[in-house]
Amino acid sequence: MIDSSSSLDTTRAAYDDVATLYAELFRDSVEGLPLDSAMVAAFAEFVRAADAGPVADLGCGPGGVTARLASLGVTAFGVDASPAMIELARQEYPDLRFDEGSMLALDIADGALGGVLSWYSIIHTSPDDLPVIFAEFARVLAPGGHLLVGFFATGDDSPHPAEPFDHKVSRAYRLSIDHVADLASRAGLTEVGRMRREPGENERFQHGRLLARKPRTSG
């Protein structure tokens, strides 16, 4: 088992080291990707309709997607483990809130959020720690709140729920969409929809998206 604190420290340091370059390349990581943009817009529409609270963009990086959410009419703030990323986000989007934090133990009250966006922020997490993170997602969501997760996906023919690969920044994993859906279900969330996108130009892997909802009642 990978020590979660050690893994987080390694990932945090790796992103601190490349923060400026990363922000130049991926300030808004859904820009120019119509299917991805549509999925984020649909998530924002669900959040607005439920009116259950603000959205936390967890693993927000330089803040571009947080700003996109705000432009779609939801109250959004960003959280990231990398101090360098948070500093860049605050400089670029001074009217938005950005906090340092870990998805393993969020400094957010129970049921405080109408939405959680995790856009490629679970890819560096040890598979052993994913249930903890999904439990945190469910804890901070208000009843009726929505979760959108974006990640690199394994192929349909893969027998493994998680497959490590050589990410340029830090150790990472591709995940089975069924496995991500199961993690959400075990945390008490109900699947709303999913999408698999084929790799585009200069991309190596398929991409998965899962949209889930926290039921308004336990029954």
C-alpha atoms as a PDB file:
ATOM      1  CA  MET A   1       0.000   0.000   0.000  1.00  0.00           C
ATOM      2  CA  ILE A   2       1.293   3.486  -0.853  1.00  0.00           C
ATOM      3  CA  ASP A   3       1.440   5.823   2.132  1.00  0.00           C
ATOM      4  CA  SER A   4      -1.180   8.465   1.371  1.00  0.00           C
ATOM      5  CA  SER A   5       0.633  11.340   3.097  1.00  0.00           C
ATOM      6  CA  SER A   6       3.888  10.537   1.286  1.00  0.00           C
ATOM      7  CA  SER A   7       2.088  10.247  -2.048  1.00  0.00           C
ATOM      8  CA  LEU A   8       0.323  13.586  -1.500  1.00  0.00           C
ATOM      9  CA  ASP A   9       3.592  15.305  -0.577  1.00  0.00           C
ATOM     10  CA  THR A  10       5.255  13.953  -3.724  1.00  0.00           C
ATOM     11  CA  THR A  11       2.397  15.076  -5.958  1.00  0.00           C
ATOM     12  CA  ARG A  12       2.207  18.495  -4.299  1.00  0.00           C
ATOM     13  CA  ALA A  13       5.932  19.091  -4.788  1.00  0.00           C
ATOM     14  CA  ALA A  14       5.794  17.927  -8.411  1.00  0.00           C
ATOM     15  CA  TYR A  15       2.996  20.369  -9.269  1.00  0.00           C
ATOM     16  CA  ASP A  16       4.688  23.198  -7.372  1.00  0.00           C
ATOM     17  CA  ASP A  17       7.735  22.663  -9.580  1.00  0.00           C
ATOM     18  CA  VAL A  18       5.788  22.916 -12.850  1.00  0.00           C
ATOM     19  CA  ALA A  19       3.021  25.304 -11.801  1.00  0.00           C
ATOM     20  CA  THR A  20       3.912  28.183 -14.120  1.00  0.00           C
ATOM     21  CA  LEU A  21       4.353  25.990 -17.188  1.00  0.00           C
ATOM     22  CA  TYR A  22       1.225  23.991 -16.349  1.00  0.00           C
ATOM     23  CA  ALA A  23      -0.816  27.191 -16.061  1.00  0.00           C
ATOM     24  CA  GLU A  24       0.404  28.330 -19.472  1.00  0.00           C
ATOM     25  CA  LEU A  25      -0.596  25.031 -21.088  1.00  0.00           C
ATOM     26  CA  PHE A  26      -3.760  24.123 -19.157  1.00  0.00           C
ATOM     27  CA  ARG A  27      -5.218  27.274 -17.633  1.00  0.00           C
ATOM     28  CA  ASP A  28      -8.697  26.113 -18.683  1.00  0.00           C
ATOM     29  CA  SER A  29      -8.408  22.394 -19.360  1.00  0.00           C
ATOM     30  CA  VAL A  30     -11.784  22.080 -21.104  1.00  0.00           C
ATOM     31  CA  GLU A  31     -11.321  24.993 -23.508  1.00  0.00           C
ATOM     32  CA  GLY A  32     -11.486  23.841 -27.128  1.00  0.00           C
ATOM     33  CA  LEU A  33     -12.941  20.461 -26.136  1.00  0.00           C
ATOM     34  CA  PRO A  34     -16.666  20.577 -26.983  1.00  0.00           C
ATOM     35  CA  LEU A  35     -17.697  17.345 -25.245  1.00  0.00           C
ATOM     36  CA  ASP A  36     -15.822  18.238 -22.075  1.00  0.00           C
ATOM     37  CA  SER A  37     -17.209  21.775 -22.106  1.00  0.00           C
ATOM     38  CA  ALA A  38     -20.716  20.388 -22.554  1.00  0.00           C
ATOM     39  CA  MET A  39     -20.313  18.023 -19.598  1.00  0.00           C
ATOM     40  CA  VAL A  40     -19.131  20.846 -17.322  1.00  0.00           C
ATOM     41  CA  ALA A  41     -21.986  23.055 -18.549  1.00  0.00           C
ATOM     42  CA  ALA A  42     -24.515  20.285 -17.858  1.00  0.00           C
ATOM     43  CA  PHE A  43     -23.078  19.865 -14.356  1.00  0.00           C
ATOM     44  CA  ALA A  44     -23.461  23.613 -13.753  1.00  0.00           C
ATOM     45  CA  GLU A  45     -27.060  23.445 -14.970  1.00  0.00           C
ATOM     46  CA  PHE A  46     -27.864  20.622 -12.557  1.00  0.00           C
ATOM     47  CA  VAL A  47     -26.255  22.594  -9.717  1.00  0.00           C
ATOM     48  CA  ARG A  48     -28.232  25.732 -10.533  1.00  0.00           C
ATOM     49  CA  ALA A  49     -31.486  23.785 -10.725  1.00  0.00           C
ATOM     50  CA  ALA A  50     -30.910  22.027  -7.384  1.00  0.00           C
ATOM     51  CA  ASP A  51     -29.916  25.305  -5.683  1.00  0.00           C
ATOM     52  CA  ALA A  52     -28.265  23.373  -2.840  1.00  0.00           C
ATOM     53  CA  GLY A  53     -25.138  25.495  -2.350  1.00  0.00           C
ATOM     54  CA  PRO A  54     -21.835  26.533  -3.937  1.00  0.00           C
ATOM     55  CA  VAL A  55     -19.466  24.378  -5.978  1.00  0.00           C
ATOM     56  CA  ALA A  56     -15.976  23.344  -4.901  1.00  0.00           C
ATOM     57  CA  ASP A  57     -13.539  22.717  -7.753  1.00  0.00           C
ATOM     58  CA  LEU A  58     -11.285  20.208  -6.011  1.00  0.00           C
ATOM     59  CA  GLY A  59      -7.814  20.026  -7.527  1.00  0.00           C
ATOM     60  CA  CYS A  60      -8.462  23.335  -9.244  1.00  0.00           C
ATOM     61  CA  GLY A  61      -4.888  23.899 -10.446  1.00  0.00           C
ATOM     62  CA  PRO A  62      -4.487  27.424 -11.892  1.00  0.00           C
ATOM     63  CA  GLY A  63      -8.210  28.104 -11.590  1.00  0.00           C
ATOM     64  CA  GLY A  64      -9.427  28.215 -15.169  1.00  0.00           C
ATOM     65  CA  VAL A  65     -12.225  25.706 -14.739  1.00  0.00           C
ATOM     66  CA  THR A  66     -13.272  27.366 -11.473  1.00  0.00           C
ATOM     67  CA  ALA A  67     -13.644  30.596 -13.425  1.00  0.00           C
ATOM     68  CA  ARG A  68     -15.590  28.757 -16.134  1.00  0.00           C
ATOM     69  CA  LEU A  69     -18.025  27.484 -13.519  1.00  0.00           C
ATOM     70  CA  ALA A  70     -18.495  31.015 -12.207  1.00  0.00           C
ATOM     71  CA  SER A  71     -19.187  32.204 -15.763  1.00  0.00           C
ATOM     72  CA  LEU A  72     -21.898  29.526 -15.998  1.00  0.00           C
ATOM     73  CA  GLY A  73     -23.808  31.111 -13.147  1.00  0.00           C
ATOM     74  CA  VAL A  74     -22.786  29.092 -10.096  1.00  0.00           C
ATOM     75  CA  THR A  75     -20.953  30.264  -7.009  1.00  0.00           C
ATOM     76  CA  ALA A  76     -17.635  28.427  -7.232  1.00  0.00           C
ATOM     77  CA  PHE A  77     -14.352  28.287  -5.357  1.00  0.00           C
ATOM     78  CA  GLY A  78     -11.193  26.250  -5.872  1.00  0.00           C
ATOM     79  CA  VAL A  79      -9.148  23.965  -3.643  1.00  0.00           C
ATOM     80  CA  ASP A  80      -5.733  22.540  -4.470  1.00  0.00           C
ATOM     81  CA  ALA A  81      -2.920  20.863  -2.549  1.00  0.00           C
ATOM     82  CA  SER A  82      -0.264  22.861  -4.417  1.00  0.00           C
ATOM     83  CA  PRO A  83       0.516  26.275  -2.864  1.00  0.00           C
ATOM     84  CA  ALA A  84       2.097  27.397  -6.132  1.00  0.00           C
ATOM     85  CA  MET A  85      -1.065  26.576  -8.086  1.00  0.00           C
ATOM     86  CA  ILE A  86      -3.228  28.404  -5.551  1.00  0.00           C
ATOM     87  CA  GLU A  87      -1.019  31.482  -5.775  1.00  0.00           C
ATOM     88  CA  LEU A  88      -1.285  31.515  -9.573  1.00  0.00           C
ATOM     89  CA  ALA A  89      -5.064  31.083  -9.404  1.00  0.00           C
ATOM     90  CA  ARG A  90      -5.418  33.955  -6.940  1.00  0.00           C
ATOM     91  CA  GLN A  91      -3.317  36.212  -9.157  1.00  0.00           C
ATOM     92  CA  GLU A  92      -5.271  35.365 -12.316  1.00  0.00           C
ATOM     93  CA  TYR A  93      -8.752  35.401 -10.763  1.00  0.00           C
ATOM     94  CA  PRO A  94      -8.634  37.797  -7.796  1.00  0.00           C
ATOM     95  CA  ASP A  95     -12.429  37.924  -7.496  1.00  0.00           C
ATOM     96  CA  LEU A  96     -12.670  34.185  -6.813  1.00  0.00           C
ATOM     97  CA  ARG A  97     -11.777  32.217  -3.697  1.00  0.00           C
ATOM     98  CA  PHE A  98      -8.951  29.660  -3.749  1.00  0.00           C
ATOM     99  CA  ASP A  99      -7.823  27.579  -0.754  1.00  0.00           C
ATOM    100  CA  GLU A 100      -5.061  25.083  -0.080  1.00  0.00           C
ATOM    101  CA  GLY A 101      -6.385  21.697   0.943  1.00  0.00           C
ATOM    102  CA  SER A 102      -6.381  17.924   0.545  1.00  0.00           C
ATOM    103  CA  MET A 103      -9.258  15.851  -0.803  1.00  0.00           C
ATOM    104  CA  LEU A 104      -8.417  13.215   1.806  1.00  0.00           C
ATOM    105  CA  ALA A 105      -9.580  15.573   4.577  1.00  0.00           C
ATOM    106  CA  LEU A 106     -11.459  18.598   3.259  1.00  0.00           C
ATOM    107  CA  ASP A 107     -11.805  21.661   5.471  1.00  0.00           C
ATOM    108  CA  ILE A 108     -15.456  21.978   4.413  1.00  0.00           C
ATOM    109  CA  ALA A 109     -18.500  21.416   6.620  1.00  0.00           C
ATOM    110  CA  ASP A 110     -20.827  18.470   6.157  1.00  0.00           C
ATOM    111  CA  GLY A 111     -23.495  19.150   3.532  1.00  0.00           C
ATOM    112  CA  ALA A 112     -22.134  22.599   2.674  1.00  0.00           C
ATOM    113  CA  LEU A 113     -21.897  22.199  -1.111  1.00  0.00           C
ATOM    114  CA  GLY A 114     -24.326  22.041  -3.987  1.00  0.00           C
ATOM    115  CA  GLY A 115     -21.626  20.656  -6.239  1.00  0.00           C
ATOM    116  CA  VAL A 116     -18.195  19.045  -6.298  1.00  0.00           C
ATOM    117  CA  LEU A 117     -16.075  19.078  -9.438  1.00  0.00           C
ATOM    118  CA  SER A 118     -13.102  16.709  -9.497  1.00  0.00           C
ATOM    119  CA  TRP A 119     -11.569  17.246 -12.917  1.00  0.00           C
ATOM    120  CA  TYR A 120      -8.572  14.891 -13.215  1.00  0.00           C
ATOM    121  CA  SER A 121      -7.779  15.493  -9.547  1.00  0.00           C
ATOM    122  CA  ILE A 122      -8.144  11.827  -8.502  1.00  0.00           C
ATOM    123  CA  ILE A 123      -5.714  10.489 -11.127  1.00  0.00           C
ATOM    124  CA  HIS A 124      -2.694  10.726  -8.793  1.00  0.00           C
ATOM    125  CA  THR A 125      -4.478   9.089  -5.870  1.00  0.00           C
ATOM    126  CA  SER A 126      -3.520   5.593  -4.804  1.00  0.00           C
ATOM    127  CA  PRO A 127      -6.449   3.257  -5.575  1.00  0.00           C
ATOM    128  CA  ASP A 128      -6.480   2.330  -1.873  1.00  0.00           C
ATOM    129  CA  ASP A 129      -7.326   5.937  -0.965  1.00  0.00           C
ATOM    130  CA  LEU A 130     -10.119   6.474  -3.491  1.00  0.00           C
ATOM    131  CA  PRO A 131     -12.911   5.241  -1.170  1.00  0.00           C
ATOM    132  CA  VAL A 132     -11.809   7.845   1.399  1.00  0.00           C
ATOM    133  CA  ILE A 133     -11.940  10.606  -1.199  1.00  0.00           C
ATOM    134  CA  PHE A 134     -15.380   9.607  -2.488  1.00  0.00           C
ATOM    135  CA  ALA A 135     -16.622   9.477   1.096  1.00  0.00           C
ATOM    136  CA  GLU A 136     -15.362  13.056   1.476  1.00  0.00           C
ATOM    137  CA  PHE A 137     -17.162  14.074  -1.721  1.00  0.00           C
ATOM    138  CA  ALA A 138     -20.392  12.640  -0.326  1.00  0.00           C
ATOM    139  CA  ARG A 139     -19.857  14.161   3.120  1.00  0.00           C
ATOM    140  CA  VAL A 140     -19.497  17.751   1.893  1.00  0.00           C
ATOM    141  CA  LEU A 141     -22.385  17.545  -0.607  1.00  0.00           C
ATOM    142  CA  ALA A 142     -25.803  18.734   0.474  1.00  0.00           C
ATOM    143  CA  PRO A 143     -28.780  16.487  -0.301  1.00  0.00           C
ATOM    144  CA  GLY A 144     -29.568  17.135  -3.954  1.00  0.00           C
ATOM    145  CA  GLY A 145     -25.966  18.177  -4.662  1.00  0.00           C
ATOM    146  CA  HIS A 146     -24.042  16.878  -7.670  1.00  0.00           C
ATOM    147  CA  LEU A 147     -20.584  15.430  -8.290  1.00  0.00           C
ATOM    148  CA  LEU A 148     -18.751  15.496 -11.629  1.00  0.00           C
ATOM    149  CA  VAL A 149     -15.545  13.479 -11.937  1.00  0.00           C
ATOM    150  CA  GLY A 150     -13.210  13.602 -14.939  1.00  0.00           C
ATOM    151  CA  PHE A 151     -10.350  11.104 -15.346  1.00  0.00           C
ATOM    152  CA  PHE A 152      -8.276   9.049 -17.763  1.00  0.00           C
ATOM    153  CA  ALA A 153     -10.200   5.864 -18.522  1.00  0.00           C
ATOM    154  CA  THR A 154      -9.149   2.278 -19.068  1.00  0.00           C
ATOM    155  CA  GLY A 155     -10.442   0.476 -22.135  1.00  0.00           C
ATOM    156  CA  ASP A 156     -13.590  -1.641 -21.996  1.00  0.00           C
ATOM    157  CA  ASP A 157     -11.462  -4.769 -22.357  1.00  0.00           C
ATOM    158  CA  SER A 158      -9.252  -4.010 -19.343  1.00  0.00           C
ATOM    159  CA  PRO A 159      -9.615  -6.496 -16.456  1.00  0.00           C
ATOM    160  CA  HIS A 160      -8.240  -3.946 -13.960  1.00  0.00           C
ATOM    161  CA  PRO A 161     -10.166  -1.174 -12.160  1.00  0.00           C
ATOM    162  CA  ALA A 162      -7.014   0.968 -12.059  1.00  0.00           C
ATOM    163  CA  GLU A 163      -3.922   0.938 -14.266  1.00  0.00           C
ATOM    164  CA  PRO A 164      -0.788   2.981 -13.470  1.00  0.00           C
ATOM    165  CA  PHE A 165       0.839   4.949 -16.249  1.00  0.00           C
ATOM    166  CA  ASP A 166       3.762   7.301 -16.743  1.00  0.00           C
ATOM    167  CA  HIS A 167       2.311  10.769 -16.213  1.00  0.00           C
ATOM    168  CA  LYS A 168       4.701  13.639 -16.950  1.00  0.00           C
ATOM    169  CA  VAL A 169       4.188  15.275 -13.549  1.00  0.00           C
ATOM    170  CA  SER A 170       3.653  12.475 -11.016  1.00  0.00           C
ATOM    171  CA  ARG A 171       2.599   8.822 -10.778  1.00  0.00           C
ATOM    172  CA  ALA A 172      -0.958   8.469 -12.072  1.00  0.00           C
ATOM    173  CA  TYR A 173      -3.698   5.941 -12.790  1.00  0.00           C
ATOM    174  CA  ARG A 174      -6.274   5.295 -15.484  1.00  0.00           C
ATOM    175  CA  LEU A 175      -9.570   4.170 -14.012  1.00  0.00           C
ATOM    176  CA  SER A 176     -12.431   2.002 -15.185  1.00  0.00           C
ATOM    177  CA  ILE A 177     -15.639   4.025 -15.536  1.00  0.00           C
ATOM    178  CA  ASP A 178     -17.532   1.178 -13.859  1.00  0.00           C
ATOM    179  CA  HIS A 179     -15.087   1.327 -10.951  1.00  0.00           C
ATOM    180  CA  VAL A 180     -15.557   5.086 -10.514  1.00  0.00           C
ATOM    181  CA  ALA A 181     -19.325   4.585 -10.632  1.00  0.00           C
ATOM    182  CA  ASP A 182     -19.016   1.872  -7.969  1.00  0.00           C
ATOM    183  CA  LEU A 183     -16.920   4.159  -5.748  1.00  0.00           C
ATOM    184  CA  ALA A 184     -19.597   6.829  -6.001  1.00  0.00           C
ATOM    185  CA  SER A 185     -22.355   4.315  -5.284  1.00  0.00           C
ATOM    186  CA  ARG A 186     -20.576   2.928  -2.225  1.00  0.00           C
ATOM    187  CA  ALA A 187     -20.280   6.503  -0.934  1.00  0.00           C
ATOM    188  CA  GLY A 188     -24.052   6.860  -1.171  1.00  0.00           C
ATOM    189  CA  LEU A 189     -24.274   8.762  -4.468  1.00  0.00           C
ATOM    190  CA  THR A 190     -26.610   7.935  -7.354  1.00  0.00           C
ATOM    191  CA  GLU A 191     -25.313   7.893 -10.915  1.00  0.00           C
ATOM    192  CA  VAL A 192     -26.939  10.450 -13.230  1.00  0.00           C
ATOM    193  CA  GLY A 193     -24.866   9.826 -16.348  1.00  0.00           C
ATOM    194  CA  ARG A 194     -21.479   8.926 -17.744  1.00  0.00           C
ATOM    195  CA  MET A 195     -19.414   9.609 -20.838  1.00  0.00           C
ATOM    196  CA  ARG A 196     -16.400   8.052 -22.503  1.00  0.00           C
ATOM    197  CA  ARG A 197     -14.424  10.227 -24.915  1.00  0.00           C
ATOM    198  CA  GLU A 198     -11.865   8.890 -27.364  1.00  0.00           C
ATOM    199  CA  PRO A 199      -8.387  10.462 -27.265  1.00  0.00           C
ATOM    200  CA  GLY A 200      -7.992  13.558 -29.376  1.00  0.00           C
ATOM    201  CA  GLU A 201      -4.938  14.854 -31.155  1.00  0.00           C
ATOM    202  CA  ASN A 202      -1.806  14.510 -28.985  1.00  0.00           C
ATOM    203  CA  GLU A 203      -3.762  12.539 -26.354  1.00  0.00           C
ATOM    204  CA  ARG A 204      -2.806   8.990 -25.375  1.00  0.00           C
ATOM    205  CA  PHE A 205      -5.834   7.639 -23.556  1.00  0.00           C
ATOM    206  CA  GLN A 206      -9.599   7.533 -23.467  1.00  0.00           C
ATOM    207  CA  HIS A 207     -11.317   9.880 -21.032  1.00  0.00           C
ATOM    208  CA  GLY A 208     -14.107   9.113 -18.583  1.00  0.00           C
ATOM    209  CA  ARG A 209     -16.695  11.372 -16.950  1.00  0.00           C
ATOM    210  CA  LEU A 210     -19.170  10.421 -14.244  1.00  0.00           C
ATOM    211  CA  LEU A 211     -22.016  12.626 -13.031  1.00  0.00           C
ATOM    212  CA  ALA A 212     -23.632  11.593  -9.738  1.00  0.00           C
ATOM    213  CA  ARG A 213     -26.106  13.041  -7.254  1.00  0.00           C
ATOM    214  CA  LYS A 214     -26.547  12.865  -3.503  1.00  0.00           C
ATOM    215  CA  PRO A 215     -30.141  11.767  -2.790  1.00  0.00           C
ATOM    216  CA  ARG A 216     -32.350  14.266  -0.997  1.00  0.00           C
ATOM    217  CA  THR A 217     -33.528  11.572   1.402  1.00  0.00           C
ATOM    218  CA  SER A 218     -31.907   8.407   2.704  1.00  0.00           C
ATOM    219  CA  GLY A 219     -34.897   6.423   1.565  1.00  0.00           C
END
